[in-house]
Amino acid sequence: MSKMRKGNNGGRRPRRIFTPEFKASAVRLVLDEGKPISEVARDLDLTRSALNGWVNQARVDRGKGTAGALTTTEKEELSRLRKEVRELRMERDILKKAAAFFAKESV
């Protein structure tokens, strides 16, 4: 029986952060050199699911992904716009409350 790592994360490895350059080189090994995802993941000490996600996103960015999938640029824009909408709604709500406050005060 194999030993499980003990800790709060249930045997999972700690979350790691990879540079865009590292991700691009890993994806290049799969898409441009034709190496299998499982082999590249093993060689680079990655999880298959992480590498698979990067590869799928790269396919979308190259215009070869599934229909309706967002490119990285579109995802970044969507995130920025959602943040802007959230801020505008907060500002609107504050102005509504201020208008109600001043309307009560003037009566």
C-alpha atoms as a PDB file:
ATOM      1  CA  MET A   1       0.000   0.000   0.000  1.00  0.00           C
ATOM      2  CA  SER A   2       1.355   3.438  -0.868  1.00  0.00           C
ATOM      3  CA  LYS A   3       1.791   6.134   1.718  1.00  0.00           C
ATOM      4  CA  MET A   4      -0.427   9.176   1.421  1.00  0.00           C
ATOM      5  CA  ARG A   5       0.994  12.570   2.242  1.00  0.00           C
ATOM      6  CA  LYS A   6      -0.489  13.912   5.423  1.00  0.00           C
ATOM      7  CA  GLY A   7      -1.738  17.450   5.827  1.00  0.00           C
ATOM      8  CA  ASN A   8      -4.687  19.699   5.280  1.00  0.00           C
ATOM      9  CA  ASN A   9      -4.856  19.165   1.530  1.00  0.00           C
ATOM     10  CA  GLY A  10      -5.836  15.496   1.554  1.00  0.00           C
ATOM     11  CA  GLY A  11      -2.641  14.187  -0.025  1.00  0.00           C
ATOM     12  CA  ARG A  12      -2.518  16.737  -2.814  1.00  0.00           C
ATOM     13  CA  ARG A  13       0.658  18.513  -3.730  1.00  0.00           C
ATOM     14  CA  PRO A  14       0.845  22.230  -2.949  1.00  0.00           C
ATOM     15  CA  ARG A  15      -0.475  24.538  -5.652  1.00  0.00           C
ATOM     16  CA  ARG A  16       2.310  25.654  -7.935  1.00  0.00           C
ATOM     17  CA  ILE A  17       2.491  28.704 -10.185  1.00  0.00           C
ATOM     18  CA  PHE A  18       3.975  28.443 -13.669  1.00  0.00           C
ATOM     19  CA  THR A  19       5.216  31.240 -15.885  1.00  0.00           C
ATOM     20  CA  PRO A  20       3.534  31.850 -19.236  1.00  0.00           C
ATOM     21  CA  GLU A  21       6.818  30.864 -20.907  1.00  0.00           C
ATOM     22  CA  PHE A  22       6.869  27.487 -19.146  1.00  0.00           C
ATOM     23  CA  LYS A  23       3.248  26.836 -20.122  1.00  0.00           C
ATOM     24  CA  ALA A  24       3.930  27.830 -23.741  1.00  0.00           C
ATOM     25  CA  SER A  25       6.941  25.514 -23.976  1.00  0.00           C
ATOM     26  CA  ALA A  26       4.964  22.604 -22.493  1.00  0.00           C
ATOM     27  CA  VAL A  27       2.121  23.227 -24.954  1.00  0.00           C
ATOM     28  CA  ARG A  28       4.611  23.468 -27.820  1.00  0.00           C
ATOM     29  CA  LEU A  29       5.914  19.997 -26.985  1.00  0.00           C
ATOM     30  CA  VAL A  30       2.384  18.612 -27.371  1.00  0.00           C
ATOM     31  CA  LEU A  31       1.010  20.627 -30.292  1.00  0.00           C
ATOM     32  CA  ASP A  32       4.095  21.313 -32.398  1.00  0.00           C
ATOM     33  CA  GLU A  33       6.253  18.283 -31.639  1.00  0.00           C
ATOM     34  CA  GLY A  34       3.381  15.819 -31.329  1.00  0.00           C
ATOM     35  CA  LYS A  35       4.378  14.345 -27.989  1.00  0.00           C
ATOM     36  CA  PRO A  36       1.587  12.752 -25.919  1.00  0.00           C
ATOM     37  CA  ILE A  37       0.163  14.829 -23.065  1.00  0.00           C
ATOM     38  CA  SER A  38       0.796  12.037 -20.567  1.00  0.00           C
ATOM     39  CA  GLU A  39       4.476  11.833 -21.517  1.00  0.00           C
ATOM     40  CA  VAL A  40       5.062  15.595 -21.376  1.00  0.00           C
ATOM     41  CA  ALA A  41       3.186  15.848 -18.083  1.00  0.00           C
ATOM     42  CA  ARG A  42       5.293  13.089 -16.575  1.00  0.00           C
ATOM     43  CA  ASP A  43       8.571  14.557 -17.902  1.00  0.00           C
ATOM     44  CA  LEU A  44       7.765  18.037 -16.575  1.00  0.00           C
ATOM     45  CA  ASP A  45       6.232  16.807 -13.291  1.00  0.00           C
ATOM     46  CA  LEU A  46       2.790  18.217 -14.137  1.00  0.00           C
ATOM     47  CA  THR A  47      -0.670  16.837 -13.686  1.00  0.00           C
ATOM     48  CA  ARG A  48      -2.263  15.623 -16.915  1.00  0.00           C
ATOM     49  CA  SER A  49      -5.326  17.744 -16.231  1.00  0.00           C
ATOM     50  CA  ALA A  50      -3.295  20.964 -15.911  1.00  0.00           C
ATOM     51  CA  LEU A  51      -1.373  20.336 -19.118  1.00  0.00           C
ATOM     52  CA  ASN A  52      -4.545  19.251 -20.895  1.00  0.00           C
ATOM     53  CA  GLY A  53      -6.198  22.545 -19.919  1.00  0.00           C
ATOM     54  CA  TRP A  54      -3.253  24.548 -21.247  1.00  0.00           C
ATOM     55  CA  VAL A  55      -3.265  22.577 -24.507  1.00  0.00           C
ATOM     56  CA  ASN A  56      -7.008  23.009 -24.990  1.00  0.00           C
ATOM     57  CA  GLN A  57      -6.745  26.759 -24.375  1.00  0.00           C
ATOM     58  CA  ALA A  58      -3.837  26.997 -26.833  1.00  0.00           C
ATOM     59  CA  ARG A  59      -5.945  25.223 -29.457  1.00  0.00           C
ATOM     60  CA  VAL A  60      -8.728  27.763 -28.939  1.00  0.00           C
ATOM     61  CA  ASP A  61      -6.220  30.632 -29.149  1.00  0.00           C
ATOM     62  CA  ARG A  62      -4.932  29.177 -32.425  1.00  0.00           C
ATOM     63  CA  GLY A  63      -8.475  29.036 -33.813  1.00  0.00           C
ATOM     64  CA  LYS A  64      -8.750  25.246 -33.632  1.00  0.00           C
ATOM     65  CA  GLY A  65     -10.835  24.865 -30.485  1.00  0.00           C
ATOM     66  CA  THR A  66     -14.429  23.917 -29.955  1.00  0.00           C
ATOM     67  CA  ALA A  67     -17.133  26.245 -31.216  1.00  0.00           C
ATOM     68  CA  GLY A  68     -18.037  28.965 -28.746  1.00  0.00           C
ATOM     69  CA  ALA A  69     -14.880  28.599 -26.645  1.00  0.00           C
ATOM     70  CA  LEU A  70     -13.324  31.896 -25.596  1.00  0.00           C
ATOM     71  CA  THR A  71      -9.756  32.800 -26.453  1.00  0.00           C
ATOM     72  CA  THR A  72      -7.421  33.959 -23.709  1.00  0.00           C
ATOM     73  CA  THR A  73      -7.832  37.568 -24.872  1.00  0.00           C
ATOM     74  CA  GLU A  74     -11.615  37.256 -24.801  1.00  0.00           C
ATOM     75  CA  LYS A  75     -11.493  35.737 -21.304  1.00  0.00           C
ATOM     76  CA  GLU A  76      -9.326  38.617 -20.067  1.00  0.00           C
ATOM     77  CA  GLU A  77     -11.709  41.169 -21.611  1.00  0.00           C
ATOM     78  CA  LEU A  78     -14.735  39.397 -20.117  1.00  0.00           C
ATOM     79  CA  SER A  79     -13.102  39.424 -16.688  1.00  0.00           C
ATOM     80  CA  ARG A  80     -12.249  43.132 -17.009  1.00  0.00           C
ATOM     81  CA  LEU A  81     -15.794  43.981 -18.121  1.00  0.00           C
ATOM     82  CA  ARG A  82     -17.371  41.980 -15.296  1.00  0.00           C
ATOM     83  CA  LYS A  83     -15.206  43.843 -12.793  1.00  0.00           C
ATOM     84  CA  GLU A  84     -16.190  47.167 -14.362  1.00  0.00           C
ATOM     85  CA  VAL A  85     -19.904  46.252 -14.208  1.00  0.00           C
ATOM     86  CA  ARG A  86     -19.521  45.276 -10.543  1.00  0.00           C
ATOM     87  CA  GLU A  87     -17.888  48.642  -9.756  1.00  0.00           C
ATOM     88  CA  LEU A  88     -20.483  50.606 -11.718  1.00  0.00           C
ATOM     89  CA  ARG A  89     -23.317  48.830  -9.900  1.00  0.00           C
ATOM     90  CA  MET A  90     -21.708  49.649  -6.551  1.00  0.00           C
ATOM     91  CA  GLU A  91     -21.376  53.309  -7.560  1.00  0.00           C
ATOM     92  CA  ARG A  92     -24.986  53.359  -8.743  1.00  0.00           C
ATOM     93  CA  ASP A  93     -26.212  51.850  -5.474  1.00  0.00           C
ATOM     94  CA  ILE A  94     -24.235  54.400  -3.454  1.00  0.00           C
ATOM     95  CA  LEU A  95     -25.698  57.252  -5.505  1.00  0.00           C
ATOM     96  CA  LYS A  96     -29.225  55.849  -5.063  1.00  0.00           C
ATOM     97  CA  LYS A  97     -28.765  55.732  -1.294  1.00  0.00           C
ATOM     98  CA  ALA A  98     -27.303  59.240  -1.240  1.00  0.00           C
ATOM     99  CA  ALA A  99     -30.209  60.594  -3.322  1.00  0.00           C
ATOM    100  CA  ALA A 100     -32.719  58.918  -1.000  1.00  0.00           C
ATOM    101  CA  PHE A 101     -30.924  60.297   2.045  1.00  0.00           C
ATOM    102  CA  PHE A 102     -30.879  63.852   0.725  1.00  0.00           C
ATOM    103  CA  ALA A 103     -34.506  63.592  -0.466  1.00  0.00           C
ATOM    104  CA  LYS A 104     -35.588  62.620   3.088  1.00  0.00           C
ATOM    105  CA  GLU A 105     -33.521  65.379   4.593  1.00  0.00           C
ATOM    106  CA  SER A 106     -35.033  68.100   2.426  1.00  0.00           C
ATOM    107  CA  VAL A 107     -38.636  67.163   3.302  1.00  0.00           C
END
